[in-house]
Amino acid sequence: MSASPQEILIIDNNEELIDVRLSGGIHYGPPPECPETEQDYCLIRIGVYQRLLQVQSSLPTGLFLRLYEGLRSLSVQSQLFDEELNRVRQRFPSFSDSDIHIETEKLVSSVRNHDGSINIPPHSTGGAVDVEIIDESGRAIDFGMEIKDWVNVAPELITPKPIGLSVQAAKNRLLLVTKMQESGFVLYEHEWWHFSYGDRYWAKKTGASHAIYGACINLTNTVS
């Protein structure tokens, strides 16, 4: 049996963070989820930034990659997990605490595992990104839903290949995942917009011996 992402070794290469708002080349949207994300959401590791630039250069003329969210602090991650935990508890009142935790983690990673051990969420490494493609007017192309509506749509619509997705939305999702994978990212199995490079999930999916990005809590250097 293969190791779970939480069991994968991390050897952080201490790569600096870069602020997309200052560096250019990649579009970004307003702060997502809650005001507390504003300080961090456009921060990503340099290696991730370079790969996003590759994705942008490979897109058809008139289409642009937009970063929805990059780095997320542990405190915000914990807040979002608790909010999703409450929603899951309401949807599945008969679930055990363990099952509720597992179900919640499909969409929001916890800073602690159910047994109390420390977990490092992908968004807290600077290696995970939520992205979409926009047109020249700045509007997201048809993906069947907008990322910001993830708490309001049917859970199956969030998955990469839901049943009943329109032909155009399916085509657009395939375009996004193809271009991201060509630049070294791996798609998260439960969210069509979430991709990883360098974190534990990436290491698990690619068979890498270890993750190269750990928690950014001690990374104080940011380049522009």
Protein backbone atom coordinates (compact mmCIF):
# COMPACT_ATOMS: atom_id res chain seq x y z
CA MET A 1 0.00 0.00 0.00
CA SER A 2 1.40 3.41 -0.96
CA ALA A 3 2.03 6.00 1.70
CA SER A 4 -0.54 8.67 2.41
CA PRO A 5 0.55 12.24 1.62
CA GLN A 6 0.93 12.92 5.36
CA GLU A 7 3.57 10.16 5.61
CA ILE A 8 5.77 11.50 2.81
CA LEU A 9 9.12 12.96 3.80
CA ILE A 10 9.64 16.69 3.32
CA ILE A 11 13.08 18.08 2.49
CA ASP A 12 12.34 21.75 1.99
CA ASN A 13 14.63 23.39 -0.54
CA ASN A 14 13.94 26.76 1.11
CA GLU A 15 12.95 28.27 -2.20
CA GLU A 16 11.73 31.82 -1.74
CA LEU A 17 8.20 33.02 -2.20
CA ILE A 18 7.30 35.44 -4.97
CA ASP A 19 4.36 37.85 -5.02
CA VAL A 20 2.43 37.62 -8.28
CA ARG A 21 1.00 41.08 -7.68
CA LEU A 22 4.50 42.57 -7.92
CA SER A 23 6.11 40.19 -10.38
CA GLY A 24 3.65 40.31 -13.27
CA GLY A 25 3.02 37.81 -16.02
CA ILE A 26 0.13 36.10 -14.25
CA HIS A 27 -3.33 37.54 -13.68
CA TYR A 28 -4.85 37.36 -10.23
CA GLY A 29 -8.27 38.00 -8.76
CA PRO A 30 -9.48 39.65 -5.56
CA PRO A 31 -8.73 37.99 -2.20
CA PRO A 32 -10.82 34.80 -1.98
CA GLU A 33 -12.76 33.18 0.87
CA CYS A 34 -12.22 35.79 3.61
CA PRO A 35 -10.40 39.11 4.21
CA GLU A 36 -7.69 37.34 6.19
CA THR A 37 -6.30 35.82 2.97
CA GLU A 38 -5.36 39.19 1.44
CA GLN A 39 -1.79 39.28 2.74
CA ASP A 40 -0.83 35.84 1.41
CA TYR A 41 -3.05 34.69 -1.45
CA CYS A 42 -0.76 35.87 -4.27
CA LEU A 43 2.40 34.37 -2.76
CA ILE A 44 3.81 31.21 -4.34
CA ARG A 45 7.19 29.51 -4.56
CA ILE A 46 9.48 30.73 -7.33
CA GLY A 47 9.43 27.32 -9.03
CA VAL A 48 5.64 27.38 -9.08
CA TYR A 49 5.62 30.90 -10.51
CA GLN A 50 8.00 29.91 -13.29
CA ARG A 51 5.75 26.98 -14.20
CA LEU A 52 2.65 29.17 -14.23
CA LEU A 53 4.44 31.43 -16.70
CA GLN A 54 5.00 28.37 -18.88
CA VAL A 55 1.30 27.59 -18.72
CA GLN A 56 0.42 31.16 -19.68
CA SER A 57 2.74 31.08 -22.69
CA SER A 58 1.13 27.87 -23.91
CA LEU A 59 -2.48 29.06 -23.81
CA PRO A 60 -4.31 30.03 -27.01
CA THR A 61 -4.26 33.70 -27.96
CA GLY A 62 -6.80 35.71 -25.98
CA LEU A 63 -6.83 33.40 -22.97
CA PHE A 64 -5.03 34.06 -19.70
CA LEU A 65 -4.24 32.09 -16.58
CA ARG A 66 -5.58 33.65 -13.39
CA LEU A 67 -4.44 32.80 -9.88
CA TYR A 68 -7.39 32.45 -7.54
CA GLU A 69 -5.33 31.52 -4.50
CA GLY A 70 -1.79 30.51 -3.68
CA LEU A 71 -0.37 30.60 -0.16
CA ARG A 72 -2.76 30.30 2.76
CA SER A 73 -1.66 30.83 6.35
CA LEU A 74 -2.14 28.04 8.88
CA SER A 75 -4.57 30.20 10.87
CA VAL A 76 -6.79 30.86 7.84
CA GLN A 77 -6.54 27.22 6.82
CA SER A 78 -7.73 26.19 10.28
CA GLN A 79 -10.62 28.65 10.07
CA LEU A 80 -11.74 27.37 6.67
CA PHE A 81 -11.46 23.77 7.82
CA ASP A 82 -13.70 24.43 10.82
CA GLU A 83 -16.29 26.12 8.60
CA GLU A 84 -16.34 23.19 6.17
CA LEU A 85 -16.41 20.73 9.07
CA ASN A 86 -19.64 22.31 10.28
CA ARG A 87 -21.18 22.11 6.81
CA VAL A 88 -20.21 18.44 6.51
CA ARG A 89 -21.63 17.69 9.95
CA GLN A 90 -24.95 19.20 8.87
CA ARG A 91 -25.01 17.18 5.63
CA PHE A 92 -24.09 13.91 7.31
CA PRO A 93 -25.48 13.97 10.86
CA SER A 94 -25.04 10.21 11.26
CA PHE A 95 -21.30 10.27 10.45
CA SER A 96 -18.75 9.57 13.17
CA ASP A 97 -16.27 12.31 14.07
CA SER A 98 -13.59 10.41 12.16
CA ASP A 99 -15.74 10.14 9.02
CA ILE A 100 -16.66 13.82 9.24
CA HIS A 101 -12.97 14.73 9.41
CA ILE A 102 -12.17 12.55 6.39
CA GLU A 103 -15.05 14.00 4.37
CA THR A 104 -14.07 17.57 5.27
CA GLU A 105 -10.49 17.02 4.19
CA LYS A 106 -11.60 16.25 0.65
CA LEU A 107 -12.08 19.98 0.10
CA VAL A 108 -10.23 21.68 2.96
CA SER A 109 -7.07 20.23 4.42
CA SER A 110 -6.69 20.34 8.19
CA VAL A 111 -3.66 21.65 10.05
CA ARG A 112 -4.00 18.61 12.32
CA ASN A 113 -4.96 15.06 11.52
CA HIS A 114 -7.87 13.46 13.35
CA ASP A 115 -5.43 11.79 15.77
CA GLY A 116 -4.01 15.19 16.71
CA SER A 117 -0.76 14.90 14.78
CA ILE A 118 0.42 17.90 12.78
CA ASN A 119 -0.48 18.11 9.10
CA ILE A 120 0.91 20.53 6.51
CA PRO A 121 -1.87 21.63 4.14
CA PRO A 122 -0.82 22.01 0.49
CA HIS A 123 -1.86 25.67 0.36
CA SER A 124 0.43 26.40 3.31
CA THR A 125 3.54 25.29 1.40
CA GLY A 126 3.45 27.82 -1.44
CA GLY A 127 3.30 24.88 -3.83
CA ALA A 128 -0.45 24.50 -4.29
CA VAL A 129 -2.47 26.86 -6.45
CA ASP A 130 -6.10 27.35 -7.35
CA VAL A 131 -6.28 28.63 -10.92
CA GLU A 132 -8.69 29.31 -13.75
CA ILE A 133 -8.57 30.66 -17.29
CA ILE A 134 -10.06 34.02 -18.22
CA ASP A 135 -10.76 35.75 -21.53
CA GLU A 136 -9.73 39.20 -22.69
CA SER A 137 -12.60 40.80 -20.80
CA GLY A 138 -11.36 39.30 -17.54
CA ARG A 139 -14.23 36.84 -17.22
CA ALA A 140 -13.61 33.20 -16.42
CA ILE A 141 -14.36 30.93 -19.34
CA ASP A 142 -17.06 28.29 -18.87
CA PHE A 143 -15.98 25.65 -16.37
CA GLY A 144 -19.50 24.70 -15.34
CA MET A 145 -19.16 26.78 -12.16
CA GLU A 146 -16.99 29.49 -10.68
CA ILE A 147 -14.43 28.59 -8.04
CA LYS A 148 -15.91 31.05 -5.54
CA ASP A 149 -19.19 29.10 -5.59
CA TRP A 150 -17.68 25.84 -4.33
CA VAL A 151 -19.71 25.92 -1.10
CA ASN A 152 -22.98 26.50 -2.97
CA VAL A 153 -22.90 23.91 -5.77
CA ALA A 154 -23.45 20.17 -5.74
CA PRO A 155 -20.26 18.46 -4.46
CA GLU A 156 -19.98 16.33 -7.59
CA LEU A 157 -19.70 19.46 -9.78
CA ILE A 158 -16.46 20.32 -8.01
CA THR A 159 -14.75 17.11 -9.13
CA PRO A 160 -12.67 17.26 -12.35
CA LYS A 161 -15.04 15.17 -14.51
CA PRO A 162 -18.60 15.27 -13.16
CA ILE A 163 -21.46 13.58 -14.95
CA GLY A 164 -23.65 16.01 -16.87
CA LEU A 165 -21.02 18.69 -17.45
CA SER A 166 -21.62 20.58 -20.69
CA VAL A 167 -19.38 19.85 -23.66
CA GLN A 168 -17.84 23.33 -23.55
CA ALA A 169 -17.17 23.23 -19.80
CA ALA A 170 -15.60 19.77 -20.10
CA LYS A 171 -13.41 21.03 -22.96
CA ASN A 172 -12.29 24.03 -20.90
CA ARG A 173 -11.48 21.90 -17.86
CA LEU A 174 -9.44 19.59 -20.07
CA LEU A 175 -7.55 22.57 -21.51
CA LEU A 176 -6.65 23.77 -18.02
CA VAL A 177 -5.51 20.41 -16.69
CA THR A 178 -3.57 19.58 -19.86
CA LYS A 179 -1.62 22.83 -19.80
CA MET A 180 -0.95 22.58 -16.07
CA GLN A 181 0.23 18.98 -16.30
CA GLU A 182 2.50 19.81 -19.21
CA SER A 183 4.28 22.25 -16.89
CA GLY A 184 4.77 19.72 -14.09
CA PHE A 185 1.71 20.23 -11.92
CA VAL A 186 -0.56 17.46 -10.66
CA LEU A 187 -4.33 17.84 -10.45
CA TYR A 188 -6.05 17.30 -7.12
CA GLU A 189 -8.59 14.53 -7.49
CA HIS A 190 -11.46 16.34 -5.73
CA GLU A 191 -11.19 19.87 -7.20
CA TRP A 192 -10.85 20.78 -10.87
CA TRP A 193 -9.07 24.06 -10.07
CA HIS A 194 -6.47 22.87 -7.54
CA PHE A 195 -2.97 21.91 -8.68
CA SER A 196 0.22 21.04 -6.82
CA TYR A 197 3.91 21.20 -7.44
CA GLY A 198 6.53 20.32 -4.86
CA ASP A 199 4.23 19.49 -1.94
CA ARG A 200 3.43 16.10 -0.45
CA TYR A 201 0.46 15.50 -2.74
CA TRP A 202 2.66 16.17 -5.77
CA ALA A 203 5.29 13.77 -4.40
CA LYS A 204 2.68 11.06 -3.90
CA LYS A 205 1.22 11.40 -7.37
CA THR A 206 4.56 11.62 -9.19
CA GLY A 207 6.39 9.00 -7.15
CA ALA A 208 9.02 11.48 -5.99
CA SER A 209 11.14 10.33 -3.04
CA HIS A 210 10.17 13.41 -1.02
CA ALA A 211 8.35 16.71 -1.13
CA ILE A 212 10.51 19.78 -1.73
CA TYR A 213 8.15 22.32 -0.13
CA GLY A 214 7.12 22.30 3.51
CA ALA A 215 5.16 24.81 5.54
CA CYS A 216 6.03 28.43 4.73
CA ILE A 217 5.59 29.54 8.32
CA ASN A 218 9.32 30.26 8.68
CA LEU A 219 9.92 31.58 5.16
CA THR A 220 10.36 35.31 5.65
CA ASN A 221 12.16 36.12 2.39
CA THR A 222 9.90 37.20 -0.44
CA VAL A 223 11.13 38.32 -3.82
CA SER A 224 9.33 40.44 -6.38
